[in-house]
Protein backbone atom coordinates (compact mmCIF):
# COMPACT_ATOMS: atom_id res chain seq x y z
CA MET A 1 0.00 -0.34 0.12
CA GLN A 2 1.55 3.17 -0.71
CA ASN A 3 1.32 6.57 2.16
CA ASN A 4 -0.26 9.72 0.72
CA LYS A 5 2.26 11.61 1.23
CA THR A 6 3.23 14.31 -1.10
CA VAL A 7 6.75 16.13 -2.10
CA THR A 8 7.22 19.45 -2.02
CA THR A 9 9.77 21.20 -4.72
CA GLN A 10 10.09 24.75 -4.31
CA CYS A 11 10.64 25.97 -8.02
CA LEU A 12 13.28 29.19 -8.59
CA SER A 13 12.91 30.53 -11.82
CA VAL A 14 15.93 33.82 -13.01
CA GLN A 15 13.35 36.57 -12.07
CA ASP A 16 12.77 34.79 -8.03
CA VAL A 17 17.17 34.71 -8.25
CA ALA A 18 16.97 38.48 -9.76
CA ALA A 19 14.57 39.72 -7.18
CA ILE A 20 16.53 37.14 -3.56
CA VAL A 21 19.64 39.41 -4.80
CA GLY A 22 17.83 42.37 -4.99
CA ARG A 23 17.14 42.58 -1.96
CA VAL A 24 19.90 40.99 -0.34
CA GLY A 25 21.81 43.77 -2.01
CA ILE A 26 24.75 42.41 -4.92
CA PRO A 27 27.64 42.95 -2.36
CA ALA A 28 25.98 41.35 0.80
CA PHE A 29 24.84 38.38 -1.80
CA LEU A 30 27.42 38.50 -2.55
CA GLU A 31 29.69 38.30 0.33
CA ARG A 32 27.42 35.38 1.54
CA LEU A 33 28.05 33.03 -1.68
CA ALA A 34 31.81 33.55 -1.00
CA GLN A 35 31.72 32.69 2.53
CA ARG A 36 29.68 29.73 1.23
CA ILE A 37 31.56 28.26 -0.81
CA ASP A 38 35.28 28.71 1.18
CA ALA A 39 33.24 26.62 4.18
CA ASP A 40 32.26 23.62 1.65
CA TYR A 41 36.13 24.08 0.32
CA GLN A 42 36.98 23.18 3.65
CA ARG A 43 34.83 19.91 4.03
CA TRP A 44 36.27 18.64 0.79
CA GLN A 45 37.25 14.94 2.19
CA ALA A 46 32.78 14.89 2.44
CA PHE A 47 32.07 15.23 -1.17
CA ASP A 48 31.37 11.89 -3.22
CA LYS A 49 32.44 13.61 -6.34
CA VAL A 50 31.78 12.64 -9.95
CA ALA A 51 33.32 13.66 -13.21
CA ARG A 52 30.51 15.49 -15.03
CA VAL A 53 29.59 13.88 -18.27
CA ALA A 54 29.11 15.30 -21.19
CA ALA A 55 27.77 15.19 -24.98
CA HIS A 56 29.76 16.71 -27.14
CA SER A 57 27.84 17.66 -31.10
CA ALA A 58 29.07 19.35 -33.88
CA GLU A 59 27.09 23.10 -32.26
CA GLY A 60 28.04 22.66 -29.08
CA VAL A 61 27.73 20.65 -25.97
CA ILE A 62 25.72 20.02 -22.74
CA GLU A 63 26.69 18.85 -19.59
CA LEU A 64 25.79 16.99 -16.17
CA MET A 65 27.75 18.19 -13.14
CA PRO A 66 26.89 15.96 -10.10
CA ILE A 67 28.02 16.01 -6.13
CA ALA A 68 27.27 14.43 -3.35
CA ASP A 69 27.25 14.74 0.62
CA ASP A 70 25.67 12.41 3.20
CA THR A 71 22.53 14.90 3.31
CA THR A 72 22.22 15.93 -0.26
CA TYR A 73 22.71 15.01 -3.44
CA THR A 74 22.89 17.33 -6.24
CA PHE A 75 23.14 17.88 -9.80
CA LYS A 76 23.92 21.34 -12.69
CA TYR A 77 22.92 20.54 -16.53
CA VAL A 78 24.66 23.03 -18.52
CA ASN A 79 25.12 24.06 -22.13
CA GLY A 80 27.56 25.63 -23.84
CA HIS A 81 27.21 26.73 -28.32
CA PRO A 82 28.59 29.86 -29.40
CA LYS A 83 26.09 29.48 -32.84
CA ASN A 84 22.89 29.93 -30.39
CA THR A 85 23.51 33.93 -30.65
CA ARG A 86 22.74 34.06 -34.44
CA ASP A 87 19.00 32.73 -33.58
CA GLY A 88 18.19 34.99 -30.48
CA LEU A 89 19.21 32.92 -27.41
CA PRO A 90 21.67 32.68 -24.62
CA THR A 91 25.52 30.62 -25.34
CA VAL A 92 24.63 28.85 -22.10
CA MET A 93 21.48 27.99 -20.13
CA ALA A 94 21.74 25.79 -16.53
CA PHE A 95 19.32 25.06 -13.89
CA GLY A 96 19.74 22.83 -11.57
CA VAL A 97 17.50 19.87 -8.98
CA LEU A 98 18.96 19.72 -5.10
CA ALA A 99 16.88 16.51 -3.68
CA ASP A 100 17.27 14.41 0.23
CA VAL A 101 19.44 11.18 0.54
CA ASP A 102 17.85 9.52 2.86
CA THR A 103 14.54 9.48 -0.10
CA GLY A 104 15.50 10.66 -3.28
CA ALA A 105 12.68 13.59 -2.50
CA PRO A 106 13.32 16.66 -4.74
CA GLU A 107 13.25 19.53 -3.02
CA LEU A 108 14.53 22.39 -5.02
CA LEU A 109 14.45 22.74 -8.86
CA THR A 110 15.76 26.29 -9.19
CA GLU A 111 17.47 27.96 -13.20
CA LEU A 112 21.44 27.81 -12.80
CA THR A 113 21.95 30.49 -15.38
CA LEU A 114 22.22 33.69 -13.04
CA THR A 115 23.33 31.80 -11.09
CA THR A 116 26.41 29.92 -11.92
CA ALA A 117 27.47 34.26 -12.73
CA LEU A 118 27.43 34.62 -9.22
CA ARG A 119 28.87 31.50 -7.97
CA THR A 120 31.30 32.02 -10.61
CA ALA A 121 32.49 35.86 -9.36
CA ALA A 122 32.50 34.79 -5.58
CA MET A 123 35.19 31.48 -6.63
CA SER A 124 37.81 33.25 -8.33
CA SER A 125 37.05 36.04 -5.42
CA VAL A 126 37.56 33.06 -2.77
CA ALA A 127 40.63 31.65 -5.00
CA ALA A 128 42.34 35.28 -4.67
CA ARG A 129 42.00 35.83 -0.91
CA ALA A 130 44.15 32.56 -0.79
CA LEU A 131 46.74 33.30 -3.77
CA ALA A 132 46.58 36.83 -4.28
CA ARG A 133 49.07 39.35 -3.03
CA PRO A 134 47.83 40.50 -0.02
CA HIS A 135 46.14 44.57 -0.47
CA SER A 136 45.66 44.02 -3.93
CA LYS A 137 44.24 47.01 -6.07
CA THR A 138 44.86 46.41 -9.57
CA MET A 139 43.20 43.57 -11.62
CA ALA A 140 43.34 43.06 -15.39
CA LEU A 141 40.29 42.13 -16.50
CA ILE A 142 40.71 40.20 -20.12
CA GLY A 143 36.97 39.32 -22.19
CA ASN A 144 34.54 41.86 -21.25
CA GLY A 145 31.13 40.05 -21.74
CA ALA A 146 28.85 39.57 -18.89
CA GLN A 147 30.96 37.08 -16.81
CA GLY A 148 33.53 39.49 -17.15
CA GLU A 149 30.74 42.22 -15.24
CA PHE A 150 30.11 39.64 -12.68
CA GLN A 151 33.93 39.26 -11.69
CA ALA A 152 34.81 42.90 -11.56
CA LEU A 153 31.42 43.46 -8.67
CA ALA A 154 33.15 40.68 -6.90
CA PHE A 155 36.88 41.56 -6.78
CA HIS A 156 35.94 45.28 -6.16
CA TYR A 157 33.63 44.38 -3.09
CA LEU A 158 35.38 41.54 -2.13
CA ASN A 159 38.62 41.98 -2.79
CA GLY A 160 39.17 45.65 -2.40
CA ILE A 161 40.10 46.22 -6.32
CA GLU A 162 40.13 50.14 -7.25
CA GLU A 163 41.06 50.08 -11.28
CA ILE A 164 40.43 47.93 -13.57
CA ARG A 165 42.18 47.31 -16.94
CA LEU A 166 40.28 46.20 -19.22
CA PHE A 167 40.72 44.49 -22.58
CA ASP A 168 38.54 42.66 -25.20
CA ILE A 169 38.49 42.19 -29.05
CA ASP A 170 34.87 43.75 -29.63
CA PRO A 171 35.54 47.38 -28.33
CA ALA A 172 31.74 47.15 -27.64
CA ALA A 173 31.52 44.72 -24.95
CA THR A 174 34.33 46.66 -23.15
CA GLN A 175 32.42 50.19 -23.51
CA LYS A 176 29.15 48.53 -22.44
CA LEU A 177 30.85 47.14 -19.00
CA MET A 178 32.62 49.88 -18.20
CA ALA A 179 28.29 51.68 -18.62
CA ASN A 180 27.23 49.39 -16.86
CA LEU A 181 29.24 49.53 -13.40
CA ALA A 182 29.86 53.14 -13.78
CA HIS A 183 27.75 52.88 -10.30
CA THR A 184 30.71 51.69 -9.11
CA GLY A 185 33.36 53.81 -8.27
CA LEU A 186 35.25 51.28 -10.17
CA ARG A 187 38.16 53.24 -12.22
CA PHE A 188 38.93 51.66 -15.93
CA ALA A 189 42.03 52.00 -18.00
CA VAL A 190 40.67 50.35 -21.41
CA CYS A 191 43.83 49.09 -23.67
CA SER A 192 44.38 48.13 -26.49
CA SER A 193 45.93 44.16 -26.15
CA THR A 194 46.34 42.30 -23.13
CA ARG A 195 50.07 42.95 -22.79
CA GLU A 196 48.86 46.08 -21.92
CA ALA A 197 46.35 45.56 -19.86
CA VAL A 198 48.54 42.84 -18.03
CA ARG A 199 51.56 45.02 -17.19
CA GLY A 200 51.91 45.85 -13.70
CA ALA A 201 48.33 44.39 -13.02
CA ASP A 202 48.54 42.79 -9.15
CA ILE A 203 45.81 40.19 -10.22
CA VAL A 204 44.56 38.59 -13.77
CA THR A 205 41.59 37.45 -14.49
CA THR A 206 40.88 36.13 -18.46
CA VAL A 207 37.27 35.64 -19.07
CA THR A 208 37.39 33.90 -22.38
CA ALA A 209 36.44 30.67 -24.30
CA ASP A 210 38.33 32.22 -27.41
CA LYS A 211 39.28 28.42 -28.94
CA THR A 212 40.39 30.00 -32.37
CA ASN A 213 43.79 32.20 -30.50
CA ALA A 214 44.33 29.23 -27.63
CA VAL A 215 46.98 31.37 -26.46
CA ILE A 216 45.52 34.16 -24.14
CA LEU A 217 48.87 34.75 -22.05
CA SER A 218 52.37 34.40 -22.61
CA ALA A 219 55.05 33.53 -20.27
CA ASP A 220 56.40 36.96 -21.01
CA MET A 221 53.64 38.73 -19.90
CA LEU A 222 53.73 37.32 -16.32
CA GLU A 223 55.07 39.01 -13.87
CA PRO A 224 56.24 38.49 -9.77
CA GLY A 225 53.70 38.39 -7.10
CA MET A 226 50.61 38.15 -10.17
CA HIS A 227 47.58 36.17 -9.62
CA ILE A 228 46.47 34.29 -12.81
CA ASN A 229 42.52 34.44 -12.07
């Protein structure tokens, strides 16, 4: 005989996540996210880690990224299809499921496109806190698309970065980033090459999936104490 208990699964849309971030505020949200990421790294051995499962096609890739501990199982579904811009679609889209290990009941279904942008930026901040030299103030940002904006916000609010040296092969992306982040008080320097952008930077963050010109940084661009993110 089956019982009549029901499973309640909470669902979060992009709009829901944006509303939560709006209520908390981006600086506080990124800080809380960074703290949670750091706490999970402190219990690295508690996780059952499985390599991502990838399905490649001529046009892109779809990946599943699972992980679990003794109470929670979760996975992220994410794609990468560069051609999508021609059809008015995002090149990357993602969602995730969180389930109870004891029962298998799915407790949360959530978008992970916006959330991943925030998490990736917070993760970069966690890494730089551990590895970059103290009191870093200048960052080079190579690749000035949407994720570049999140990286700039995280490093400004969480790591004290005051100046960002920008380079992108698309000048329009750089101009858009500066316009969108004009309210932050960050200082921007537009550079004509990667080499120019990284010169004298405390931290170098690359945000590009460029496969055509795979070498973004070369050894002769690196300086002692520079953190590569």
